N, C-alpha and C. Protein backbone atom coordinates (compact mmCIF):
# COMPACT_ATOMS: atom_id res chain seq x y z
N UNK A 1 -3.78 7.61 33.39
CA UNK A 1 -2.28 7.71 32.27
C UNK A 1 -2.29 6.46 31.07
N UNK A 2 -3.17 5.90 31.70
CA UNK A 2 -3.82 4.71 30.30
C UNK A 2 -3.95 5.04 28.70
N UNK A 3 -5.04 6.18 29.49
CA UNK A 3 -5.70 6.64 28.16
C UNK A 3 -4.25 7.76 27.59
N UNK A 4 -3.52 8.31 27.89
CA UNK A 4 -2.07 8.98 27.67
C UNK A 4 -1.41 8.21 26.70
N UNK A 5 -1.00 6.79 27.57
CA UNK A 5 -0.09 6.15 26.84
C UNK A 5 -1.12 5.10 25.28
N UNK A 6 -2.32 5.23 25.70
CA UNK A 6 -3.14 4.60 24.12
C UNK A 6 -3.27 5.65 23.26
N UNK A 7 -3.16 6.89 23.49
CA UNK A 7 -3.08 7.81 22.34
C UNK A 7 -1.29 8.81 21.94
N UNK A 8 -0.46 7.50 22.73
CA UNK A 8 0.49 7.63 22.19
C UNK A 8 1.50 8.78 22.68
N UNK A 9 0.66 9.48 23.83
CA UNK A 9 1.43 11.04 24.14
C UNK A 9 2.37 10.27 25.54
N UNK A 10 2.22 8.78 25.48
CA UNK A 10 3.74 8.30 26.63
C UNK A 10 4.44 6.94 25.89
N UNK A 11 5.39 6.86 25.92
CA UNK A 11 5.80 5.52 25.28
C UNK A 11 6.17 4.88 26.39
N UNK A 12 6.31 3.57 25.73
CA UNK A 12 6.27 2.45 26.64
C UNK A 12 6.99 2.33 28.32
N UNK A 13 8.09 3.11 27.66
CA UNK A 13 9.25 3.42 28.87
C UNK A 13 8.65 4.23 29.80
N UNK A 14 8.26 5.45 29.52
CA UNK A 14 7.50 6.48 30.34
C UNK A 14 6.64 5.77 31.22
N UNK A 15 5.70 4.99 30.41
CA UNK A 15 4.52 4.46 30.86
C UNK A 15 4.84 3.20 32.04
N UNK A 16 5.87 2.52 31.90
CA UNK A 16 6.23 1.58 33.10
C UNK A 16 6.79 2.11 33.86
N UNK A 17 7.94 3.45 33.76
CA UNK A 17 8.40 3.95 34.86
C UNK A 17 7.21 4.60 36.03
N UNK A 18 6.39 5.50 35.13
CA UNK A 18 4.83 5.72 36.22
C UNK A 18 4.24 4.50 36.90
N UNK A 19 4.18 4.22 36.03
CA UNK A 19 3.46 2.10 36.97
C UNK A 19 3.80 2.18 38.00
N UNK A 20 5.56 2.18 37.65
CA UNK A 20 6.45 1.70 38.75
C UNK A 20 6.59 2.61 40.08
N UNK A 21 6.50 4.06 39.58
CA UNK A 21 6.60 4.82 40.85
C UNK A 21 4.99 4.84 41.54
N UNK A 22 4.17 4.63 40.94
CA UNK A 22 3.14 4.59 41.64
C UNK A 22 2.69 3.49 42.52
N UNK A 23 3.38 2.86 42.22
CA UNK A 23 3.39 1.15 43.12
C UNK A 23 4.35 1.60 44.38
N UNK A 24 5.30 2.35 44.21
CA UNK A 24 6.30 2.29 44.75
C UNK A 24 6.29 3.21 45.95
N UNK A 25 5.33 4.32 45.86
CA UNK A 25 4.99 5.43 46.69
C UNK A 25 3.62 4.74 47.51
N UNK A 26 4.28 5.69 48.38
CA UNK A 26 3.05 5.66 49.96
C UNK A 26 2.01 6.44 50.22
N UNK A 27 2.70 7.92 50.01
CA UNK A 27 2.16 8.59 50.11
C UNK A 27 2.08 9.89 48.84
N UNK A 28 1.12 10.78 49.31
CA UNK A 28 0.87 11.85 47.74
C UNK A 28 2.17 12.70 48.26
N UNK A 29 3.13 12.62 49.16
CA UNK A 29 4.29 13.26 49.46
C UNK A 29 5.41 12.82 48.83
N UNK A 30 5.46 11.20 48.97
CA UNK A 30 6.53 10.55 47.98
C UNK A 30 6.20 10.53 46.69
N UNK A 31 4.81 10.62 46.08
CA UNK A 31 4.80 10.64 44.89
C UNK A 31 5.21 11.76 44.18
N UNK A 32 4.91 13.42 44.98
CA UNK A 32 5.39 14.12 44.28
C UNK A 32 7.12 14.35 44.35
N UNK A 33 7.70 13.87 45.23
CA UNK A 33 9.05 13.82 45.32
C UNK A 33 9.41 12.73 43.82
N UNK A 34 9.02 12.15 43.94
CA UNK A 34 9.47 11.15 42.76
C UNK A 34 9.26 11.55 41.13
N UNK A 35 8.58 12.54 40.94
CA UNK A 35 8.05 13.26 39.72
C UNK A 35 8.48 14.11 39.72
N UNK A 36 8.89 15.03 40.79
CA UNK A 36 9.80 16.09 40.60
C UNK A 36 11.86 15.62 39.99
N UNK A 37 11.75 14.22 40.87
CA UNK A 37 12.95 13.83 40.26
C UNK A 37 12.97 13.22 38.73
N UNK A 38 12.01 12.89 38.34
CA UNK A 38 11.84 12.59 37.23
C UNK A 38 11.93 13.29 36.07
N UNK A 39 11.28 14.66 36.33
CA UNK A 39 11.16 16.21 35.57
C UNK A 39 12.65 16.21 35.75
N UNK A 40 13.66 16.73 36.50
CA UNK A 40 15.11 16.37 36.46
C UNK A 40 15.81 15.40 35.54
N UNK A 41 15.31 14.24 35.41
CA UNK A 41 16.16 13.41 34.83
C UNK A 41 15.95 13.52 33.24
N UNK A 42 14.71 14.20 33.36
CA UNK A 42 14.06 14.45 32.05
C UNK A 42 14.91 15.74 31.34
N UNK A 43 15.15 16.57 32.09
CA UNK A 43 15.92 17.82 31.45
C UNK A 43 17.49 17.59 30.93
N UNK A 44 18.00 16.61 32.41
CA UNK A 44 19.81 15.97 31.59
C UNK A 44 19.33 15.13 30.90
């Protein structure tokens, strides 16, 4: 993820959001739920 940010593939906002999500998730299932919600938010 840091590499993607360094290459400019992620904005600072996206990077910070992903870091926050990683810190808040306890299990892989939680991470999948957060990722799904992020994708839905982007579509809107």
